[in-house]
Amino acid sequence: MTDERTVLLVVHTGRSEATHLARESAAKLAHAGVGVRLLAPDAEDVGVDKAEVVEVTPTAAEGCEMVMVLGGDGTILRGAEVARASGTPVLGVNLGHIGFLAESERDDLDVTIDHVVHRKYAVEERMTLDVTITYNGGVVASQWALNEASIEKSARERMLEMVVEVDGRPLSRWGADGIVAATPTGSTAYAFSAGGPIVWPELEAMLVVPLSAHALFSRPLVVSPRSVVAVELMHRNTEPGVLWCDGRRTEELPPGARVEVRRGVQPVRLARLHRGLFTDRLVAKFGLPVQGWRGGLDQPPRHAAADVGAVRRKRPTPPVDEHSDDVGATP
């Protein structure tokens, strides 16, 4: 760690609140002796004097100790794009609706800045996916995803005919709207909306979730992180398919294309301020009803009235030790 410290701010500039908080964050970081870097598309709207401005490239976060994102999950995925290659941790401040990838909320900005300044956070690695498209015997495109890679039809009135393969063996042929391959991180995103299971982040696995398949066997699957899932688009498709990675990057899939999805070589690193349990995050983000919960024998006694909303109101656990780098910590 050098004496010069820099934080890259990634901002949802479509929200006036985000640009206001970005200026506030930049001022507080500068006051603490931490430099601020901005992406070129954000710089004009944020308008921070003396901020370093860089182009949006996979190396934009090099030399930074953190990428701090002000926005929702989509903006955090954008931050992950520029942070992944350099291995820079990403810290999300939620300004969206659910914000499953975020670590703090807008009302906690002062506390978040304090944690960044004093390096009071842990870092965990999240599994990614590497995606390869081959056509006519050659590789035509490569992509990656933190949440999911989805193969979808491009024509609303037609199904996408495809054969799914796992570990070099055919599994089934489906006519469907498409298919989603997701990480545990992405299990609460598109895969969840399509009926897939929620997978705890510390479990390494790959989800395979068909989208409205017209078939008797079309259940969501959970396969090994060492597996390779392949989807072959049948030649009789009259329209191309579309590959979407994290809903941000897209590739056209002509009939006959083959898409292979495997565990990514390069993970994404997320900064965590608290050692909270994933169960509590699910309850808080989805507003799950927990009234009546009393806990097991090892739980301290509580009044019945305290049960109502107790988990949602529970304060986060104490922050992690300074300078810790607890890879794989439970969120």
C-alpha atoms as a PDB file:
ATOM      1  CA  MET A   1       0.000   0.000   0.000  1.00  0.00           C
ATOM      2  CA  THR A   2       1.564   3.332  -1.069  1.00  0.00           C
ATOM      3  CA  ASP A   3       1.093   6.658   0.671  1.00  0.00           C
ATOM      4  CA  GLU A   4      -1.062   7.897  -2.205  1.00  0.00           C
ATOM      5  CA  ARG A   5      -4.608   6.644  -1.909  1.00  0.00           C
ATOM      6  CA  THR A   6      -7.274   6.813  -4.609  1.00  0.00           C
ATOM      7  CA  VAL A   7     -10.915   5.763  -4.750  1.00  0.00           C
ATOM      8  CA  LEU A   8     -12.752   5.424  -8.058  1.00  0.00           C
ATOM      9  CA  LEU A   9     -16.325   6.714  -7.831  1.00  0.00           C
ATOM     10  CA  VAL A  10     -18.847   5.141 -10.214  1.00  0.00           C
ATOM     11  CA  VAL A  11     -22.074   7.126 -10.231  1.00  0.00           C
ATOM     12  CA  HIS A  12     -25.595   6.674 -11.567  1.00  0.00           C
ATOM     13  CA  THR A  13     -25.649  10.135 -13.107  1.00  0.00           C
ATOM     14  CA  GLY A  14     -29.284   9.733 -14.123  1.00  0.00           C
ATOM     15  CA  ARG A  15     -30.179  10.275 -10.467  1.00  0.00           C
ATOM     16  CA  SER A  16     -29.651  13.789  -9.108  1.00  0.00           C
ATOM     17  CA  GLU A  17     -29.347  12.273  -5.652  1.00  0.00           C
ATOM     18  CA  ALA A  18     -26.410  10.169  -6.818  1.00  0.00           C
ATOM     19  CA  THR A  19     -24.485  13.112  -8.262  1.00  0.00           C
ATOM     20  CA  HIS A  20     -25.112  15.109  -5.067  1.00  0.00           C
ATOM     21  CA  LEU A  21     -23.845  12.246  -2.905  1.00  0.00           C
ATOM     22  CA  ALA A  22     -20.862  11.777  -5.221  1.00  0.00           C
ATOM     23  CA  ARG A  23     -19.787  15.387  -4.681  1.00  0.00           C
ATOM     24  CA  GLU A  24     -20.308  14.989  -0.951  1.00  0.00           C
ATOM     25  CA  SER A  25     -18.312  11.752  -0.907  1.00  0.00           C
ATOM     26  CA  ALA A  26     -15.495  13.283  -2.962  1.00  0.00           C
ATOM     27  CA  ALA A  27     -15.225  16.218  -0.564  1.00  0.00           C
ATOM     28  CA  LYS A  28     -15.069  13.955   2.492  1.00  0.00           C
ATOM     29  CA  LEU A  29     -12.511  11.649   0.898  1.00  0.00           C
ATOM     30  CA  ALA A  30     -10.355  14.598  -0.159  1.00  0.00           C
ATOM     31  CA  HIS A  31     -10.545  16.038   3.357  1.00  0.00           C
ATOM     32  CA  ALA A  32      -9.181  12.707   4.643  1.00  0.00           C
ATOM     33  CA  GLY A  33      -6.356  12.769   2.118  1.00  0.00           C
ATOM     34  CA  VAL A  34      -7.854  10.248  -0.294  1.00  0.00           C
ATOM     35  CA  GLY A  35      -7.813  11.129  -3.982  1.00  0.00           C
ATOM     36  CA  VAL A  36     -10.857  10.691  -6.209  1.00  0.00           C
ATOM     37  CA  ARG A  37     -11.005   9.248  -9.714  1.00  0.00           C
ATOM     38  CA  LEU A  38     -14.051   9.485 -12.000  1.00  0.00           C
ATOM     39  CA  LEU A  39     -15.036   7.775 -15.219  1.00  0.00           C
ATOM     40  CA  ALA A  40     -15.163  10.174 -18.156  1.00  0.00           C
ATOM     41  CA  PRO A  41     -18.936   9.734 -18.802  1.00  0.00           C
ATOM     42  CA  ASP A  42     -19.641  10.612 -15.150  1.00  0.00           C
ATOM     43  CA  ALA A  43     -17.180  13.457 -14.670  1.00  0.00           C
ATOM     44  CA  GLU A  44     -19.140  16.286 -16.298  1.00  0.00           C
ATOM     45  CA  ASP A  45     -22.360  15.525 -14.418  1.00  0.00           C
ATOM     46  CA  VAL A  46     -20.620  15.032 -11.069  1.00  0.00           C
ATOM     47  CA  GLY A  47     -18.395  18.085 -11.456  1.00  0.00           C
ATOM     48  CA  VAL A  48     -15.711  17.407  -8.846  1.00  0.00           C
ATOM     49  CA  ASP A  49     -12.723  19.735  -8.996  1.00  0.00           C
ATOM     50  CA  LYS A  50      -9.267  18.141  -9.013  1.00  0.00           C
ATOM     51  CA  ALA A  51     -10.672  14.665  -9.614  1.00  0.00           C
ATOM     52  CA  GLU A  52      -8.685  12.407 -11.897  1.00  0.00           C
ATOM     53  CA  VAL A  53     -10.723  11.489 -14.978  1.00  0.00           C
ATOM     54  CA  VAL A  54     -10.172   8.226 -16.873  1.00  0.00           C
ATOM     55  CA  GLU A  55     -11.838   6.522 -19.802  1.00  0.00           C
ATOM     56  CA  VAL A  56     -14.065   3.497 -19.312  1.00  0.00           C
ATOM     57  CA  THR A  57     -11.696   0.580 -19.856  1.00  0.00           C
ATOM     58  CA  PRO A  58     -10.982  -2.690 -18.022  1.00  0.00           C
ATOM     59  CA  THR A  59      -7.935  -0.944 -16.494  1.00  0.00           C
ATOM     60  CA  ALA A  60      -9.794   2.139 -15.234  1.00  0.00           C
ATOM     61  CA  ALA A  61      -9.474   1.068 -11.585  1.00  0.00           C
ATOM     62  CA  GLU A  62      -5.767   0.219 -11.661  1.00  0.00           C
ATOM     63  CA  GLY A  63      -3.957   1.880  -8.777  1.00  0.00           C
ATOM     64  CA  CYS A  64      -7.178   2.446  -6.823  1.00  0.00           C
ATOM     65  CA  GLU A  65      -7.755   0.773  -3.478  1.00  0.00           C
ATOM     66  CA  MET A  66     -11.523   0.684  -3.991  1.00  0.00           C
ATOM     67  CA  VAL A  67     -14.327   1.275  -6.484  1.00  0.00           C
ATOM     68  CA  MET A  68     -17.150   2.987  -4.621  1.00  0.00           C
ATOM     69  CA  VAL A  69     -20.467   2.807  -6.462  1.00  0.00           C
ATOM     70  CA  LEU A  70     -23.394   5.166  -5.891  1.00  0.00           C
ATOM     71  CA  GLY A  71     -26.504   3.639  -7.465  1.00  0.00           C
ATOM     72  CA  GLY A  72     -28.445   0.398  -7.696  1.00  0.00           C
ATOM     73  CA  ASP A  73     -27.431  -3.125  -8.672  1.00  0.00           C
ATOM     74  CA  GLY A  74     -27.093  -2.133 -12.338  1.00  0.00           C
ATOM     75  CA  THR A  75     -24.565   0.563 -11.465  1.00  0.00           C
ATOM     76  CA  ILE A  76     -22.703  -1.879  -9.212  1.00  0.00           C
ATOM     77  CA  LEU A  77     -22.447  -4.290 -12.167  1.00  0.00           C
ATOM     78  CA  ARG A  78     -21.045  -1.378 -14.160  1.00  0.00           C
ATOM     79  CA  GLY A  79     -18.498  -0.801 -11.413  1.00  0.00           C
ATOM     80  CA  ALA A  80     -17.587  -4.482 -11.467  1.00  0.00           C
ATOM     81  CA  GLU A  81     -16.782  -4.203 -15.182  1.00  0.00           C
ATOM     82  CA  VAL A  82     -13.997  -1.691 -14.546  1.00  0.00           C
ATOM     83  CA  ALA A  83     -12.802  -3.287 -11.282  1.00  0.00           C
ATOM     84  CA  ARG A  84     -12.536  -6.963 -12.219  1.00  0.00           C
ATOM     85  CA  ALA A  85      -9.332  -6.915 -14.266  1.00  0.00           C
ATOM     86  CA  SER A  86      -7.322  -5.112 -11.583  1.00  0.00           C
ATOM     87  CA  GLY A  87      -8.916  -7.018  -8.691  1.00  0.00           C
ATOM     88  CA  THR A  88     -10.016  -3.766  -7.043  1.00  0.00           C
ATOM     89  CA  PRO A  89     -12.743  -4.280  -4.395  1.00  0.00           C
ATOM     90  CA  VAL A  90     -16.191  -2.870  -5.198  1.00  0.00           C
ATOM     91  CA  LEU A  91     -18.298  -1.209  -2.500  1.00  0.00           C
ATOM     92  CA  GLY A  92     -21.913  -0.413  -3.364  1.00  0.00           C
ATOM     93  CA  VAL A  93     -24.020   2.325  -1.747  1.00  0.00           C
ATOM     94  CA  ASN A  94     -27.625   1.512  -2.623  1.00  0.00           C
ATOM     95  CA  LEU A  95     -29.686   4.258  -4.231  1.00  0.00           C
ATOM     96  CA  GLY A  96     -31.955   1.838  -6.083  1.00  0.00           C
ATOM     97  CA  HIS A  97     -34.833  -0.407  -5.037  1.00  0.00           C
ATOM     98  CA  ILE A  98     -33.509  -3.723  -3.708  1.00  0.00           C
ATOM     99  CA  GLY A  99     -29.759  -3.290  -4.036  1.00  0.00           C
ATOM    100  CA  PHE A 100     -28.805  -6.894  -3.333  1.00  0.00           C
ATOM    101  CA  LEU A 101     -25.174  -6.280  -4.268  1.00  0.00           C
ATOM    102  CA  ALA A 102     -24.915  -3.116  -2.179  1.00  0.00           C
ATOM    103  CA  GLU A 103     -23.258  -3.058   1.215  1.00  0.00           C
ATOM    104  CA  SER A 104     -24.720   0.163   2.621  1.00  0.00           C
ATOM    105  CA  GLU A 105     -27.653   2.523   2.183  1.00  0.00           C
ATOM    106  CA  ARG A 106     -27.772   6.233   1.373  1.00  0.00           C
ATOM    107  CA  ASP A 107     -28.462   7.158   5.019  1.00  0.00           C
ATOM    108  CA  ASP A 108     -25.232   5.443   6.080  1.00  0.00           C
ATOM    109  CA  LEU A 109     -22.936   7.427   3.780  1.00  0.00           C
ATOM    110  CA  ASP A 110     -20.939   9.078   6.586  1.00  0.00           C
ATOM    111  CA  VAL A 111     -20.295   5.711   8.243  1.00  0.00           C
ATOM    112  CA  THR A 112     -19.369   4.194   4.873  1.00  0.00           C
ATOM    113  CA  ILE A 113     -16.852   6.940   4.133  1.00  0.00           C
ATOM    114  CA  ASP A 114     -15.347   6.454   7.594  1.00  0.00           C
ATOM    115  CA  HIS A 115     -14.911   2.721   6.935  1.00  0.00           C
ATOM    116  CA  VAL A 116     -13.231   3.454   3.594  1.00  0.00           C
ATOM    117  CA  VAL A 117     -10.907   6.101   5.027  1.00  0.00           C
ATOM    118  CA  HIS A 118      -9.814   3.876   7.913  1.00  0.00           C
ATOM    119  CA  ARG A 119      -9.805   0.698   5.792  1.00  0.00           C
ATOM    120  CA  LYS A 120     -12.306  -1.002   8.086  1.00  0.00           C
ATOM    121  CA  TYR A 121     -13.706  -3.520   5.645  1.00  0.00           C
ATOM    122  CA  ALA A 122     -13.275  -7.098   4.534  1.00  0.00           C
ATOM    123  CA  VAL A 123     -12.959  -8.315   0.958  1.00  0.00           C
ATOM    124  CA  GLU A 124     -14.605 -11.418  -0.433  1.00  0.00           C
ATOM    125  CA  GLU A 125     -14.351 -13.015  -3.843  1.00  0.00           C
ATOM    126  CA  ARG A 126     -17.432 -13.784  -5.900  1.00  0.00           C
ATOM    127  CA  MET A 127     -17.501 -16.435  -8.588  1.00  0.00           C
ATOM    128  CA  THR A 128     -17.943 -15.241 -12.168  1.00  0.00           C
ATOM    129  CA  LEU A 129     -18.735 -16.958 -15.464  1.00  0.00           C
ATOM    130  CA  ASP A 130     -16.640 -17.096 -18.626  1.00  0.00           C
ATOM    131  CA  VAL A 131     -18.703 -17.421 -21.803  1.00  0.00           C
ATOM    132  CA  THR A 132     -17.416 -18.530 -25.210  1.00  0.00           C
ATOM    133  CA  ILE A 133     -19.372 -18.458 -28.478  1.00  0.00           C
ATOM    134  CA  THR A 134     -18.304 -20.710 -31.340  1.00  0.00           C
ATOM    135  CA  TYR A 135     -19.749 -20.817 -34.846  1.00  0.00           C
ATOM    136  CA  ASN A 136     -18.692 -22.862 -37.872  1.00  0.00           C
ATOM    137  CA  GLY A 137     -15.898 -24.400 -35.836  1.00  0.00           C
ATOM    138  CA  GLY A 138     -14.286 -21.193 -34.607  1.00  0.00           C
ATOM    139  CA  VAL A 139     -14.517 -18.905 -31.580  1.00  0.00           C
ATOM    140  CA  VAL A 140     -16.369 -15.722 -32.557  1.00  0.00           C
ATOM    141  CA  ALA A 141     -16.793 -13.988 -29.193  1.00  0.00           C
ATOM    142  CA  SER A 142     -15.930 -14.232 -25.494  1.00  0.00           C
ATOM    143  CA  GLN A 143     -17.727 -12.619 -22.577  1.00  0.00           C
ATOM    144  CA  TRP A 144     -18.005 -12.846 -18.803  1.00  0.00           C
ATOM    145  CA  ALA A 145     -20.688 -12.286 -16.160  1.00  0.00           C
ATOM    146  CA  LEU A 146     -20.962 -11.747 -12.426  1.00  0.00           C
ATOM    147  CA  ASN A 147     -24.706 -12.441 -12.170  1.00  0.00           C
ATOM    148  CA  GLU A 148     -25.752 -14.437 -15.202  1.00  0.00           C
ATOM    149  CA  ALA A 149     -25.402 -15.225 -18.865  1.00  0.00           C
ATOM    150  CA  SER A 150     -28.796 -15.529 -20.561  1.00  0.00           C
ATOM    151  CA  ILE A 151     -29.483 -16.924 -24.009  1.00  0.00           C
ATOM    152  CA  GLU A 152     -32.749 -15.535 -25.308  1.00  0.00           C
ATOM    153  CA  LYS A 153     -34.872 -15.513 -28.428  1.00  0.00           C
ATOM    154  CA  SER A 154     -34.854 -12.383 -30.561  1.00  0.00           C
ATOM    155  CA  ALA A 155     -38.293 -12.891 -32.137  1.00  0.00           C
ATOM    156  CA  ARG A 156     -41.195 -12.601 -29.715  1.00  0.00           C
ATOM    157  CA  GLU A 157     -43.479 -14.863 -31.736  1.00  0.00           C
ATOM    158  CA  ARG A 158     -41.084 -17.806 -31.955  1.00  0.00           C
ATOM    159  CA  MET A 159     -39.468 -20.228 -29.533  1.00  0.00           C
ATOM    160  CA  LEU A 160     -35.742 -20.790 -29.473  1.00  0.00           C
ATOM    161  CA  GLU A 161     -34.868 -24.413 -30.277  1.00  0.00           C
ATOM    162  CA  MET A 162     -31.773 -25.582 -28.440  1.00  0.00           C
ATOM    163  CA  VAL A 163     -29.957 -28.590 -27.023  1.00  0.00           C
ATOM    164  CA  VAL A 164     -28.391 -28.291 -23.571  1.00  0.00           C
ATOM    165  CA  GLU A 165     -25.212 -30.156 -22.670  1.00  0.00           C
ATOM    166  CA  VAL A 166     -23.494 -30.604 -19.296  1.00  0.00           C
ATOM    167  CA  ASP A 167     -19.899 -31.839 -19.059  1.00  0.00           C
ATOM    168  CA  GLY A 168     -19.784 -32.973 -22.665  1.00  0.00           C
ATOM    169  CA  ARG A 169     -23.002 -35.022 -22.534  1.00  0.00           C
ATOM    170  CA  PRO A 170     -26.424 -34.020 -23.914  1.00  0.00           C
ATOM    171  CA  LEU A 171     -29.034 -33.271 -21.261  1.00  0.00           C
ATOM    172  CA  SER A 172     -32.210 -32.269 -23.089  1.00  0.00           C
ATOM    173  CA  ARG A 173     -33.635 -30.424 -26.072  1.00  0.00           C
ATOM    174  CA  TRP A 174     -35.934 -27.513 -25.377  1.00  0.00           C
ATOM    175  CA  GLY A 175     -38.096 -25.089 -27.245  1.00  0.00           C
ATOM    176  CA  ALA A 176     -38.121 -22.082 -24.937  1.00  0.00           C
ATOM    177  CA  ASP A 177     -37.837 -18.348 -24.541  1.00  0.00           C
ATOM    178  CA  GLY A 178     -34.245 -19.015 -23.551  1.00  0.00           C
ATOM    179  CA  ILE A 179     -32.054 -20.228 -20.723  1.00  0.00           C
ATOM    180  CA  VAL A 180     -30.129 -18.588 -17.871  1.00  0.00           C
ATOM    181  CA  ALA A 181     -26.789 -19.734 -16.466  1.00  0.00           C
ATOM    182  CA  ALA A 182     -26.200 -17.962 -13.157  1.00  0.00           C
ATOM    183  CA  THR A 183     -23.723 -17.737 -10.295  1.00  0.00           C
ATOM    184  CA  PRO A 184     -24.784 -17.842  -6.629  1.00  0.00           C
ATOM    185  CA  THR A 185     -24.478 -14.046  -6.667  1.00  0.00           C
ATOM    186  CA  GLY A 186     -26.927 -13.957  -9.576  1.00  0.00           C
ATOM    187  CA  SER A 187     -29.330 -16.438  -7.974  1.00  0.00           C
ATOM    188  CA  THR A 188     -31.336 -13.503  -6.556  1.00  0.00           C
ATOM    189  CA  ALA A 189     -31.514 -11.759  -9.943  1.00  0.00           C
ATOM    190  CA  TYR A 190     -32.828 -13.014 -13.320  1.00  0.00           C
ATOM    191  CA  ALA A 191     -32.574 -16.691 -12.326  1.00  0.00           C
ATOM    192  CA  PHE A 192     -34.749 -16.029  -9.274  1.00  0.00           C
ATOM    193  CA  SER A 193     -37.395 -14.292 -11.399  1.00  0.00           C
ATOM    194  CA  ALA A 194     -37.389 -17.322 -13.717  1.00  0.00           C
ATOM    195  CA  GLY A 195     -38.105 -19.717 -10.829  1.00  0.00           C
ATOM    196  CA  GLY A 196     -34.591 -20.722  -9.880  1.00  0.00           C
ATOM    197  CA  PRO A 197     -33.439 -21.356  -6.294  1.00  0.00           C
ATOM    198  CA  ILE A 198     -31.586 -18.883  -4.098  1.00  0.00           C
ATOM    199  CA  VAL A 199     -28.061 -20.095  -3.443  1.00  0.00           C
ATOM    200  CA  TRP A 200     -26.015 -18.846  -0.487  1.00  0.00           C
ATOM    201  CA  PRO A 201     -22.983 -16.889  -1.816  1.00  0.00           C
ATOM    202  CA  GLU A 202     -20.361 -18.997  -0.063  1.00  0.00           C
ATOM    203  CA  LEU A 203     -21.553 -22.062  -1.999  1.00  0.00           C
ATOM    204  CA  GLU A 204     -19.803 -22.353  -5.343  1.00  0.00           C
ATOM    205  CA  ALA A 205     -22.124 -23.704  -8.015  1.00  0.00           C
ATOM    206  CA  MET A 206     -23.684 -22.856 -11.362  1.00  0.00           C
ATOM    207  CA  LEU A 207     -27.436 -22.556 -11.882  1.00  0.00           C
ATOM    208  CA  VAL A 208     -29.135 -23.533 -15.135  1.00  0.00           C
ATOM    209  CA  VAL A 209     -32.673 -22.172 -15.408  1.00  0.00           C
ATOM    210  CA  PRO A 210     -34.855 -22.619 -18.541  1.00  0.00           C
ATOM    211  CA  LEU A 211     -37.076 -19.700 -19.526  1.00  0.00           C
ATOM    212  CA  SER A 212     -40.662 -20.800 -20.235  1.00  0.00           C
ATOM    213  CA  ALA A 213     -39.596 -24.096 -21.779  1.00  0.00           C
ATOM    214  CA  HIS A 214     -42.275 -26.090 -23.602  1.00  0.00           C
ATOM    215  CA  ALA A 215     -41.096 -29.446 -22.213  1.00  0.00           C
ATOM    216  CA  LEU A 216     -41.926 -32.030 -19.558  1.00  0.00           C
ATOM    217  CA  PHE A 217     -38.430 -31.805 -18.067  1.00  0.00           C
ATOM    218  CA  SER A 218     -37.482 -28.180 -17.614  1.00  0.00           C
ATOM    219  CA  ARG A 219     -36.615 -27.867 -13.942  1.00  0.00           C
ATOM    220  CA  PRO A 220     -33.873 -25.518 -12.712  1.00  0.00           C
ATOM    221  CA  LEU A 221     -30.568 -27.307 -12.204  1.00  0.00           C
ATOM    222  CA  VAL A 222     -27.644 -26.702  -9.844  1.00  0.00           C
ATOM    223  CA  VAL A 223     -24.391 -28.093 -11.236  1.00  0.00           C
ATOM    224  CA  SER A 224     -20.808 -28.235 -10.055  1.00  0.00           C
ATOM    225  CA  PRO A 225     -18.630 -25.120 -10.390  1.00  0.00           C
ATOM    226  CA  ARG A 226     -16.253 -27.360 -12.337  1.00  0.00           C
ATOM    227  CA  SER A 227     -18.945 -28.226 -14.888  1.00  0.00           C
ATOM    228  CA  VAL A 228     -19.140 -26.811 -18.390  1.00  0.00           C
ATOM    229  CA  VAL A 229     -22.650 -26.019 -19.595  1.00  0.00           C
ATOM    230  CA  ALA A 230     -23.115 -25.734 -23.354  1.00  0.00           C
ATOM    231  CA  VAL A 231     -26.148 -24.572 -25.301  1.00  0.00           C
ATOM    232  CA  GLU A 232     -26.382 -25.327 -29.011  1.00  0.00           C
ATOM    233  CA  LEU A 233     -28.888 -23.380 -31.100  1.00  0.00           C
ATOM    234  CA  MET A 234     -30.445 -25.715 -33.617  1.00  0.00           C
ATOM    235  CA  HIS A 235     -30.033 -24.921 -37.312  1.00  0.00           C
ATOM    236  CA  ARG A 236     -33.778 -24.991 -37.866  1.00  0.00           C
ATOM    237  CA  ASN A 237     -34.198 -21.749 -35.903  1.00  0.00           C
ATOM    238  CA  THR A 238     -35.281 -19.142 -38.401  1.00  0.00           C
ATOM    239  CA  GLU A 239     -34.220 -16.213 -36.215  1.00  0.00           C
ATOM    240  CA  PRO A 240     -30.974 -15.640 -34.310  1.00  0.00           C
ATOM    241  CA  GLY A 241     -30.747 -15.778 -30.558  1.00  0.00           C
ATOM    242  CA  VAL A 242     -29.179 -13.186 -28.265  1.00  0.00           C
ATOM    243  CA  LEU A 243     -26.629 -13.624 -25.477  1.00  0.00           C
ATOM    244  CA  TRP A 244     -26.882 -11.157 -22.602  1.00  0.00           C
ATOM    245  CA  CYS A 245     -24.234 -10.996 -19.864  1.00  0.00           C
ATOM    246  CA  ASP A 246     -25.460  -9.261 -16.696  1.00  0.00           C
ATOM    247  CA  GLY A 247     -28.045  -7.510 -18.851  1.00  0.00           C
ATOM    248  CA  ARG A 248     -25.289  -5.153 -20.030  1.00  0.00           C
ATOM    249  CA  ARG A 249     -23.231  -6.807 -22.772  1.00  0.00           C
ATOM    250  CA  THR A 250     -24.784  -8.580 -25.723  1.00  0.00           C
ATOM    251  CA  GLU A 251     -23.800 -10.835 -28.636  1.00  0.00           C
ATOM    252  CA  GLU A 252     -25.919 -12.136 -31.519  1.00  0.00           C
ATOM    253  CA  LEU A 253     -26.238 -15.921 -31.808  1.00  0.00           C
ATOM    254  CA  PRO A 254     -26.934 -17.216 -35.330  1.00  0.00           C
ATOM    255  CA  PRO A 255     -28.677 -20.572 -35.775  1.00  0.00           C
ATOM    256  CA  GLY A 256     -26.050 -23.274 -35.240  1.00  0.00           C
ATOM    257  CA  ALA A 257     -24.071 -21.247 -32.702  1.00  0.00           C
ATOM    258  CA  ARG A 258     -22.712 -22.952 -29.591  1.00  0.00           C
ATOM    259  CA  VAL A 259     -22.379 -21.175 -26.236  1.00  0.00           C
ATOM    260  CA  GLU A 260     -20.155 -22.634 -23.518  1.00  0.00           C
ATOM    261  CA  VAL A 261     -20.388 -21.358 -19.934  1.00  0.00           C
ATOM    262  CA  ARG A 262     -17.862 -22.240 -17.251  1.00  0.00           C
ATOM    263  CA  ARG A 263     -16.544 -20.846 -14.004  1.00  0.00           C
ATOM    264  CA  GLY A 264     -14.694 -17.598 -14.599  1.00  0.00           C
ATOM    265  CA  VAL A 265     -10.935 -17.467 -14.179  1.00  0.00           C
ATOM    266  CA  GLN A 266     -11.098 -13.949 -12.698  1.00  0.00           C
ATOM    267  CA  PRO A 267     -13.500 -13.377  -9.751  1.00  0.00           C
ATOM    268  CA  VAL A 268     -15.027 -10.063  -8.700  1.00  0.00           C
ATOM    269  CA  ARG A 269     -13.978  -8.777  -5.277  1.00  0.00           C
ATOM    270  CA  LEU A 270     -16.641  -7.152  -3.099  1.00  0.00           C
ATOM    271  CA  ALA A 271     -15.901  -4.992  -0.057  1.00  0.00           C
ATOM    272  CA  ARG A 272     -17.954  -5.819   3.039  1.00  0.00           C
ATOM    273  CA  LEU A 273     -18.362  -3.526   6.033  1.00  0.00           C
ATOM    274  CA  HIS A 274     -20.134  -5.986   8.325  1.00  0.00           C
ATOM    275  CA  ARG A 275     -20.126  -9.723   8.939  1.00  0.00           C
ATOM    276  CA  GLY A 276     -23.878 -10.017   8.521  1.00  0.00           C
ATOM    277  CA  LEU A 277     -25.658 -13.268   7.712  1.00  0.00           C
ATOM    278  CA  PHE A 278     -27.072 -13.835   4.240  1.00  0.00           C
ATOM    279  CA  THR A 279     -30.370 -14.889   5.838  1.00  0.00           C
ATOM    280  CA  ASP A 280     -30.744 -11.428   7.356  1.00  0.00           C
ATOM    281  CA  ARG A 281     -29.942  -9.847   4.004  1.00  0.00           C
ATOM    282  CA  LEU A 282     -32.699 -11.887   2.338  1.00  0.00           C
ATOM    283  CA  VAL A 283     -35.220 -10.851   4.982  1.00  0.00           C
ATOM    284  CA  ALA A 284     -34.263  -7.183   4.770  1.00  0.00           C
ATOM    285  CA  LYS A 285     -34.068  -6.903   0.968  1.00  0.00           C
ATOM    286  CA  PHE A 286     -37.229  -8.903   0.198  1.00  0.00           C
ATOM    287  CA  GLY A 287     -39.184  -7.728   3.247  1.00  0.00           C
ATOM    288  CA  LEU A 288     -39.889 -11.327   4.262  1.00  0.00           C
ATOM    289  CA  PRO A 289     -42.393 -11.891   7.105  1.00  0.00           C
ATOM    290  CA  VAL A 290     -40.683 -13.204  10.241  1.00  0.00           C
ATOM    291  CA  GLN A 291     -43.310 -12.364  12.852  1.00  0.00           C
ATOM    292  CA  GLY A 292     -43.584 -15.074  15.490  1.00  0.00           C
ATOM    293  CA  TRP A 293     -39.969 -16.203  15.277  1.00  0.00           C
ATOM    294  CA  ARG A 294     -38.592 -17.019  18.702  1.00  0.00           C
ATOM    295  CA  GLY A 295     -35.303 -18.694  17.852  1.00  0.00           C
ATOM    296  CA  GLY A 296     -33.711 -21.877  19.119  1.00  0.00           C
ATOM    297  CA  LEU A 297     -32.614 -22.862  22.598  1.00  0.00           C
ATOM    298  CA  ASP A 298     -29.369 -20.966  22.222  1.00  0.00           C
ATOM    299  CA  GLN A 299     -31.221 -17.683  21.567  1.00  0.00           C
ATOM    300  CA  PRO A 300     -31.628 -15.208  24.460  1.00  0.00           C
ATOM    301  CA  PRO A 301     -35.225 -14.866  25.755  1.00  0.00           C
ATOM    302  CA  ARG A 302     -37.280 -12.105  24.212  1.00  0.00           C
ATOM    303  CA  HIS A 303     -40.724 -10.599  24.576  1.00  0.00           C
ATOM    304  CA  ALA A 304     -43.312 -11.591  22.019  1.00  0.00           C
ATOM    305  CA  ALA A 305     -43.789  -7.968  20.996  1.00  0.00           C
ATOM    306  CA  ALA A 306     -40.117  -7.752  20.068  1.00  0.00           C
ATOM    307  CA  ASP A 307     -40.522 -10.492  17.458  1.00  0.00           C
ATOM    308  CA  VAL A 308     -42.385  -8.297  15.001  1.00  0.00           C
ATOM    309  CA  GLY A 309     -39.916  -7.104  12.396  1.00  0.00           C
ATOM    310  CA  ALA A 310     -37.014  -7.912  14.709  1.00  0.00           C
ATOM    311  CA  VAL A 311     -34.776  -9.260  11.988  1.00  0.00           C
ATOM    312  CA  ARG A 312     -35.441  -6.364   9.652  1.00  0.00           C
ATOM    313  CA  ARG A 313     -34.667  -3.845  12.405  1.00  0.00           C
ATOM    314  CA  LYS A 314     -31.609  -5.682  13.649  1.00  0.00           C
ATOM    315  CA  ARG A 315     -28.521  -3.502  13.555  1.00  0.00           C
ATOM    316  CA  PRO A 316     -25.551  -4.820  11.561  1.00  0.00           C
ATOM    317  CA  THR A 317     -22.890  -6.725  13.422  1.00  0.00           C
ATOM    318  CA  PRO A 318     -19.733  -4.808  14.389  1.00  0.00           C
ATOM    319  CA  PRO A 319     -17.375  -3.898  11.552  1.00  0.00           C
ATOM    320  CA  VAL A 320     -14.491  -6.163  10.739  1.00  0.00           C
ATOM    321  CA  ASP A 321     -10.980  -5.535  11.979  1.00  0.00           C
ATOM    322  CA  GLU A 322      -8.938  -2.858  10.275  1.00  0.00           C
ATOM    323  CA  HIS A 323      -6.821  -3.970   7.297  1.00  0.00           C
ATOM    324  CA  SER A 324      -8.585  -7.346   7.143  1.00  0.00           C
ATOM    325  CA  ASP A 325      -8.888  -9.107   3.797  1.00  0.00           C
ATOM    326  CA  ASP A 326     -11.319 -11.881   4.679  1.00  0.00           C
ATOM    327  CA  VAL A 327     -11.778 -13.542   1.317  1.00  0.00           C
ATOM    328  CA  GLY A 328     -14.948 -15.597   1.135  1.00  0.00           C
ATOM    329  CA  ALA A 329     -16.616 -14.003   4.163  1.00  0.00           C
ATOM    330  CA  THR A 330     -20.336 -14.551   4.520  1.00  0.00           C
ATOM    331  CA  PRO A 331     -22.219 -11.398   3.438  1.00  0.00           C
END
